[in-house]
PDB file of all heavy atoms in Angstrom:
ATOM      1  N   LEU A   1       0.856  -1.200   0.031  1.00  0.00           N
ATOM      2  CA  LEU A   1       0.014   0.022   0.015  1.00  0.00           C
ATOM      3  C   LEU A   1       0.858   1.217   0.030  1.00  0.00           C
ATOM      4  O   LEU A   1       0.699   2.169  -0.818  1.00  0.00           O
ATOM      5  CB  LEU A   1      -0.903   0.000   1.220  1.00  0.00           C
ATOM      6  CG  LEU A   1      -1.658   1.325   1.475  1.00  0.00           C
ATOM      7  CD1 LEU A   1      -2.623   1.607   0.400  1.00  0.00           C
ATOM      8  CD2 LEU A   1      -2.389   1.278   2.830  1.00  0.00           C
ATOM      9  N   ARG A   2       1.848   1.316   0.897  1.00  0.00           N
ATOM     10  CA  ARG A   2       2.698   2.475   1.028  1.00  0.00           C
ATOM     11  C   ARG A   2       3.482   2.687  -0.280  1.00  0.00           C
ATOM     12  O   ARG A   2       3.656   3.879  -0.682  1.00  0.00           O
ATOM     13  CB  ARG A   2       3.646   2.274   2.167  1.00  0.00           C
ATOM     14  CG  ARG A   2       2.997   2.394   3.551  1.00  0.00           C
ATOM     15  CD  ARG A   2       3.932   1.932   4.611  1.00  0.00           C
ATOM     16  NE  ARG A   2       3.401   2.270   5.944  1.00  0.00           N
ATOM     17  CZ  ARG A   2       3.892   1.703   7.108  1.00  0.00           C
ATOM     18  NH1 ARG A   2       4.891   0.856   7.022  1.00  0.00           N
ATOM     19  NH2 ARG A   2       3.359   2.113   8.280  1.00  0.00           N
ATOM     20  N   LYS A   3       3.946   1.645  -0.875  1.00  0.00           N
ATOM     21  CA  LYS A   3       4.753   1.765  -2.131  1.00  0.00           C
ATOM     22  C   LYS A   3       3.887   2.370  -3.252  1.00  0.00           C
ATOM     23  O   LYS A   3       4.268   3.298  -3.950  1.00  0.00           O
ATOM     24  CB  LYS A   3       5.235   0.408  -2.581  1.00  0.00           C
ATOM     25  CG  LYS A   3       6.161   0.403  -3.718  1.00  0.00           C
ATOM     26  CD  LYS A   3       6.757  -0.948  -3.963  1.00  0.00           C
ATOM     27  CE  LYS A   3       7.764  -0.903  -5.133  1.00  0.00           C
ATOM     28  NZ  LYS A   3       7.149  -0.749  -6.403  1.00  0.00           N
ATOM     29  N   THR A   4       2.679   1.870  -3.426  1.00  0.00           N
ATOM     30  CA  THR A   4       1.859   2.383  -4.557  1.00  0.00           C
ATOM     31  C   THR A   4       1.400   3.802  -4.271  1.00  0.00           C
ATOM     32  O   THR A   4       1.328   4.632  -5.200  1.00  0.00           O
ATOM     33  CB  THR A   4       0.701   1.470  -4.843  1.00  0.00           C
ATOM     34  OG1 THR A   4       0.087   1.825  -6.155  1.00  0.00           O
ATOM     35  CG2 THR A   4      -0.424   1.558  -3.796  1.00  0.00           C
ATOM     36  N   MET A   5       1.115   4.184  -3.027  1.00  0.00           N
ATOM     37  CA  MET A   5       0.742   5.516  -2.702  1.00  0.00           C
ATOM     38  C   MET A   5       1.839   6.478  -2.988  1.00  0.00           C
ATOM     39  O   MET A   5       1.672   7.606  -3.515  1.00  0.00           O
ATOM     40  CB  MET A   5       0.221   5.647  -1.242  1.00  0.00           C
ATOM     41  CG  MET A   5      -1.087   4.966  -0.995  1.00  0.00           C
ATOM     42  SD  MET A   5      -2.461   5.743  -1.926  1.00  0.00           S
ATOM     43  CE  MET A   5      -2.609   7.310  -1.187  1.00  0.00           C
ATOM     44  N   TRP A   6       3.108   6.104  -2.610  1.00  0.00           N
ATOM     45  CA  TRP A   6       4.243   6.998  -2.795  1.00  0.00           C
ATOM     46  C   TRP A   6       4.515   7.166  -4.253  1.00  0.00           C
ATOM     47  O   TRP A   6       4.811   8.247  -4.756  1.00  0.00           O
ATOM     48  CB  TRP A   6       5.442   6.404  -2.072  1.00  0.00           C
ATOM     49  CG  TRP A   6       6.658   7.251  -2.226  1.00  0.00           C
ATOM     50  CD1 TRP A   6       7.768   7.079  -2.943  1.00  0.00           C
ATOM     51  CD2 TRP A   6       6.935   8.492  -1.505  1.00  0.00           C
ATOM     52  NE1 TRP A   6       8.683   8.056  -2.778  1.00  0.00           N
ATOM     53  CE2 TRP A   6       8.184   8.997  -1.917  1.00  0.00           C
ATOM     54  CE3 TRP A   6       6.170   9.247  -0.587  1.00  0.00           C
ATOM     55  CZ2 TRP A   6       8.751  10.168  -1.421  1.00  0.00           C
ATOM     56  CZ3 TRP A   6       6.704  10.447  -0.088  1.00  0.00           C
ATOM     57  CH2 TRP A   6       7.971  10.874  -0.563  1.00  0.00           C
ATOM     58  N   GLU A   7       4.443   6.058  -5.036  1.00  0.00           N
ATOM     59  CA  GLU A   7       4.786   6.113  -6.440  1.00  0.00           C
ATOM     60  C   GLU A   7       3.667   6.732  -7.282  1.00  0.00           C
ATOM     61  O   GLU A   7       3.979   7.405  -8.339  1.00  0.00           O
ATOM     62  CB  GLU A   7       5.078   4.743  -6.946  1.00  0.00           C
ATOM     63  CG  GLU A   7       6.372   4.143  -6.365  1.00  0.00           C
ATOM     64  CD  GLU A   7       6.606   2.742  -6.813  1.00  0.00           C
ATOM     65  OE1 GLU A   7       5.717   2.162  -7.511  1.00  0.00           O
ATOM     66  OE2 GLU A   7       7.724   2.174  -6.508  1.00  0.00           O
ATOM     67  N   ASN A   8       2.370   6.582  -6.930  1.00  0.00           N
ATOM     68  CA  ASN A   8       1.312   6.956  -7.817  1.00  0.00           C
ATOM     69  C   ASN A   8       0.386   8.050  -7.284  1.00  0.00           C
ATOM     70  O   ASN A   8      -0.422   8.557  -8.078  1.00  0.00           O
ATOM     71  CB  ASN A   8       0.480   5.705  -8.136  1.00  0.00           C
ATOM     72  CG  ASN A   8       1.280   4.675  -8.826  1.00  0.00           C
ATOM     73  OD1 ASN A   8       1.831   4.877  -9.868  1.00  0.00           O
ATOM     74  ND2 ASN A   8       1.351   3.454  -8.211  1.00  0.00           N
ATOM     75  N   ALA A   9       0.494   8.385  -6.007  1.00  0.00           N
ATOM     76  CA  ALA A   9      -0.351   9.436  -5.467  1.00  0.00           C
ATOM     77  C   ALA A   9       0.466  10.393  -4.612  1.00  0.00           C
ATOM     78  O   ALA A   9       0.000  10.850  -3.542  1.00  0.00           O
ATOM     79  CB  ALA A   9      -1.469   8.826  -4.608  1.00  0.00           C
ATOM     80  N   GLY A  10       1.668  10.627  -5.081  1.00  0.00           N
ATOM     81  CA  GLY A  10       2.583  11.491  -4.283  1.00  0.00           C
ATOM     82  C   GLY A  10       2.570  12.965  -4.716  1.00  0.00           C
ATOM     83  O   GLY A  10       1.476  13.505  -4.971  1.00  0.00           O
ATOM     84  N   ILE A  11       3.735  13.583  -4.816  1.00  0.00           N
ATOM     85  CA  ILE A  11       3.817  15.005  -5.100  1.00  0.00           C
ATOM     86  C   ILE A  11       3.293  15.287  -6.478  1.00  0.00           C
ATOM     87  O   ILE A  11       2.494  16.276  -6.652  1.00  0.00           O
ATOM     88  CB  ILE A  11       5.270  15.430  -5.000  1.00  0.00           C
ATOM     89  CG1 ILE A  11       5.783  15.294  -3.523  1.00  0.00           C
ATOM     90  CG2 ILE A  11       5.417  16.924  -5.401  1.00  0.00           C
ATOM     91  CD1 ILE A  11       7.248  15.618  -3.347  1.00  0.00           C
ATOM     92  N   PHE A  12       3.662  14.537  -7.496  1.00  0.00           N
ATOM     93  CA  PHE A  12       3.210  14.726  -8.866  1.00  0.00           C
ATOM     94  C   PHE A  12       2.225  13.542  -9.190  1.00  0.00           C
ATOM     95  O   PHE A  12       2.601  12.398  -9.064  1.00  0.00           O
ATOM     96  CB  PHE A  12       4.378  14.811  -9.824  1.00  0.00           C
ATOM     97  CG  PHE A  12       5.293  15.909  -9.564  1.00  0.00           C
ATOM     98  CD1 PHE A  12       6.608  15.682  -9.104  1.00  0.00           C
ATOM     99  CD2 PHE A  12       4.930  17.273  -9.702  1.00  0.00           C
ATOM    100  CE1 PHE A  12       7.488  16.678  -8.857  1.00  0.00           C
ATOM    101  CE2 PHE A  12       5.811  18.315  -9.432  1.00  0.00           C
ATOM    102  CZ  PHE A  12       7.057  18.005  -9.035  1.00  0.00           C
ATOM    103  N   ARG A  13       1.065  13.932  -9.699  1.00  0.00           N
ATOM    104  CA  ARG A  13      -0.009  12.921  -9.956  1.00  0.00           C
ATOM    105  C   ARG A  13      -0.467  13.001 -11.378  1.00  0.00           C
ATOM    106  O   ARG A  13      -0.451  14.028 -12.019  1.00  0.00           O
ATOM    107  CB  ARG A  13      -1.173  13.106  -8.976  1.00  0.00           C
ATOM    108  CG  ARG A  13      -0.777  13.037  -7.510  1.00  0.00           C
ATOM    109  CD  ARG A  13      -1.836  13.571  -6.615  1.00  0.00           C
ATOM    110  NE  ARG A  13      -1.512  13.301  -5.191  1.00  0.00           N
ATOM    111  CZ  ARG A  13      -2.245  13.734  -4.181  1.00  0.00           C
ATOM    112  NH1 ARG A  13      -3.314  14.541  -4.404  1.00  0.00           N
ATOM    113  NH2 ARG A  13      -1.850  13.474  -2.949  1.00  0.00           N
ATOM    114  N   THR A  14      -0.924  11.824 -11.890  1.00  0.00           N
ATOM    115  CA  THR A  14      -1.557  11.745 -13.210  1.00  0.00           C
ATOM    116  C   THR A  14      -2.730  10.762 -13.048  1.00  0.00           C
ATOM    117  O   THR A  14      -2.794  10.020 -12.117  1.00  0.00           O
ATOM    118  CB  THR A  14      -0.656  11.166 -14.286  1.00  0.00           C
ATOM    119  OG1 THR A  14      -0.266   9.815 -13.928  1.00  0.00           O
ATOM    120  CG2 THR A  14       0.600  12.047 -14.389  1.00  0.00           C
ATOM    121  N   LYS A  15      -3.713  10.882 -13.996  1.00  0.00           N
ATOM    122  CA  LYS A  15      -4.844   9.976 -13.928  1.00  0.00           C
ATOM    123  C   LYS A  15      -4.368   8.573 -14.026  1.00  0.00           C
ATOM    124  O   LYS A  15      -4.859   7.651 -13.301  1.00  0.00           O
ATOM    125  CB  LYS A  15      -5.781  10.337 -15.060  1.00  0.00           C
ATOM    126  CG  LYS A  15      -7.040   9.441 -15.061  1.00  0.00           C
ATOM    127  CD  LYS A  15      -8.034   9.880 -16.156  1.00  0.00           C
ATOM    128  CE  LYS A  15      -9.275   9.033 -16.179  1.00  0.00           C
ATOM    129  NZ  LYS A  15     -10.257   9.397 -17.146  1.00  0.00           N
ATOM    130  N   GLU A  16      -3.427   8.283 -14.931  1.00  0.00           N
ATOM    131  CA  GLU A  16      -2.913   6.915 -15.092  1.00  0.00           C
ATOM    132  C   GLU A  16      -2.354   6.373 -13.796  1.00  0.00           C
ATOM    133  O   GLU A  16      -2.638   5.254 -13.372  1.00  0.00           O
ATOM    134  CB  GLU A  16      -1.838   6.890 -16.190  1.00  0.00           C
ATOM    135  CG  GLU A  16      -1.293   5.554 -16.438  1.00  0.00           C
ATOM    136  CD  GLU A  16      -0.179   5.560 -17.475  1.00  0.00           C
ATOM    137  OE1 GLU A  16       0.207   6.620 -17.946  1.00  0.00           O
ATOM    138  OE2 GLU A  16       0.324   4.438 -17.833  1.00  0.00           O
ATOM    139  N   GLY A  17      -1.508   7.188 -13.166  1.00  0.00           N
ATOM    140  CA  GLY A  17      -0.922   6.736 -11.900  1.00  0.00           C
ATOM    141  C   GLY A  17      -1.957   6.539 -10.765  1.00  0.00           C
ATOM    142  O   GLY A  17      -1.880   5.613 -10.007  1.00  0.00           O
ATOM    143  N   LEU A  18      -2.908   7.452 -10.691  1.00  0.00           N
ATOM    144  CA  LEU A  18      -3.932   7.374  -9.615  1.00  0.00           C
ATOM    145  C   LEU A  18      -4.807   6.152  -9.876  1.00  0.00           C
ATOM    146  O   LEU A  18      -5.168   5.439  -8.894  1.00  0.00           O
ATOM    147  CB  LEU A  18      -4.808   8.634  -9.601  1.00  0.00           C
ATOM    148  CG  LEU A  18      -4.040   9.873  -9.174  1.00  0.00           C
ATOM    149  CD1 LEU A  18      -4.849  11.159  -9.510  1.00  0.00           C
ATOM    150  CD2 LEU A  18      -3.771   9.856  -7.684  1.00  0.00           C
ATOM    151  N   LEU A  19      -5.135   5.836 -11.115  1.00  0.00           N
ATOM    152  CA  LEU A  19      -5.913   4.633 -11.424  1.00  0.00           C
ATOM    153  C   LEU A  19      -5.132   3.366 -11.100  1.00  0.00           C
ATOM    154  O   LEU A  19      -5.679   2.394 -10.643  1.00  0.00           O
ATOM    155  CB  LEU A  19      -6.364   4.619 -12.874  1.00  0.00           C
ATOM    156  CG  LEU A  19      -7.461   5.613 -13.259  1.00  0.00           C
ATOM    157  CD1 LEU A  19      -7.680   5.637 -14.746  1.00  0.00           C
ATOM    158  CD2 LEU A  19      -8.723   5.306 -12.516  1.00  0.00           C
ATOM    159  N   LYS A  20      -3.775   3.414 -11.277  1.00  0.00           N
ATOM    160  CA  LYS A  20      -2.958   2.328 -10.895  1.00  0.00           C
ATOM    161  C   LYS A  20      -2.971   2.105  -9.420  1.00  0.00           C
ATOM    162  O   LYS A  20      -3.082   0.997  -8.869  1.00  0.00           O
ATOM    163  CB  LYS A  20      -1.509   2.573 -11.314  1.00  0.00           C
ATOM    164  CG  LYS A  20      -0.458   1.588 -10.871  1.00  0.00           C
ATOM    165  CD  LYS A  20      -0.637   0.192 -11.436  1.00  0.00           C
ATOM    166  CE  LYS A  20       0.549  -0.687 -11.251  1.00  0.00           C
ATOM    167  NZ  LYS A  20       0.950  -0.909  -9.873  1.00  0.00           N
ATOM    168  N   ALA A  21      -2.890   3.263  -8.651  1.00  0.00           N
ATOM    169  CA  ALA A  21      -2.950   3.151  -7.176  1.00  0.00           C
ATOM    170  C   ALA A  21      -4.268   2.576  -6.724  1.00  0.00           C
ATOM    171  O   ALA A  21      -4.329   1.734  -5.869  1.00  0.00           O
ATOM    172  CB  ALA A  21      -2.765   4.526  -6.572  1.00  0.00           C
ATOM    173  N   LEU A  22      -5.330   3.039  -7.380  1.00  0.00           N
ATOM    174  CA  LEU A  22      -6.713   2.586  -6.991  1.00  0.00           C
ATOM    175  C   LEU A  22      -6.819   1.096  -7.287  1.00  0.00           C
ATOM    176  O   LEU A  22      -7.417   0.320  -6.440  1.00  0.00           O
ATOM    177  CB  LEU A  22      -7.737   3.346  -7.790  1.00  0.00           C
ATOM    178  CG  LEU A  22      -9.239   3.183  -7.265  1.00  0.00           C
ATOM    179  CD1 LEU A  22      -9.313   3.732  -5.859  1.00  0.00           C
ATOM    180  CD2 LEU A  22     -10.123   3.977  -8.171  1.00  0.00           C
ATOM    181  N   SER A  23      -6.328   0.650  -8.385  1.00  0.00           N
ATOM    182  CA  SER A  23      -6.326  -0.823  -8.722  1.00  0.00           C
ATOM    183  C   SER A  23      -5.561  -1.603  -7.675  1.00  0.00           C
ATOM    184  O   SER A  23      -6.003  -2.710  -7.251  1.00  0.00           O
ATOM    185  CB  SER A  23      -5.829  -1.002 -10.116  1.00  0.00           C
ATOM    186  OG  SER A  23      -5.695  -2.389 -10.457  1.00  0.00           O
ATOM    187  N   ASP A  24      -4.397  -1.095  -7.340  1.00  0.00           N
ATOM    188  CA  ASP A  24      -3.579  -1.822  -6.320  1.00  0.00           C
ATOM    189  C   ASP A  24      -4.253  -1.909  -5.007  1.00  0.00           C
ATOM    190  O   ASP A  24      -4.218  -2.948  -4.328  1.00  0.00           O
ATOM    191  CB  ASP A  24      -2.244  -1.092  -6.181  1.00  0.00           C
ATOM    192  CG  ASP A  24      -1.330  -1.254  -7.364  1.00  0.00           C
ATOM    193  OD1 ASP A  24      -1.553  -2.158  -8.192  1.00  0.00           O
ATOM    194  OD2 ASP A  24      -0.362  -0.458  -7.489  1.00  0.00           O
ATOM    195  N   ILE A  25      -4.907  -0.809  -4.600  1.00  0.00           N
ATOM    196  CA  ILE A  25      -5.588  -0.754  -3.265  1.00  0.00           C
ATOM    197  C   ILE A  25      -6.719  -1.714  -3.280  1.00  0.00           C
ATOM    198  O   ILE A  25      -6.981  -2.477  -2.357  1.00  0.00           O
ATOM    199  CB  ILE A  25      -6.080   0.645  -2.993  1.00  0.00           C
ATOM    200  CG1 ILE A  25      -4.920   1.624  -2.770  1.00  0.00           C
ATOM    201  CG2 ILE A  25      -6.979   0.654  -1.734  1.00  0.00           C
ATOM    202  CD1 ILE A  25      -5.325   3.065  -2.738  1.00  0.00           C
ATOM    203  N   GLU A  26      -7.529  -1.822  -4.394  1.00  0.00           N
ATOM    204  CA  GLU A  26      -8.609  -2.743  -4.453  1.00  0.00           C
ATOM    205  C   GLU A  26      -8.188  -4.156  -4.399  1.00  0.00           C
ATOM    206  O   GLU A  26      -8.757  -5.068  -3.765  1.00  0.00           O
ATOM    207  CB  GLU A  26      -9.451  -2.485  -5.741  1.00  0.00           C
ATOM    208  CG  GLU A  26     -10.204  -1.208  -5.781  1.00  0.00           C
ATOM    209  CD  GLU A  26     -11.162  -1.057  -4.583  1.00  0.00           C
ATOM    210  OE1 GLU A  26     -11.830  -2.012  -4.238  1.00  0.00           O
ATOM    211  OE2 GLU A  26     -11.132   0.054  -3.977  1.00  0.00           O
TER     212      GLU A  26
END
């Protein structure tokens, strides 16, 4: 969880990255 949040929902965000984080969380 921590890894995907840091990589995909950190300082700089994109829709692609956020959707990746959401998929990982689910």
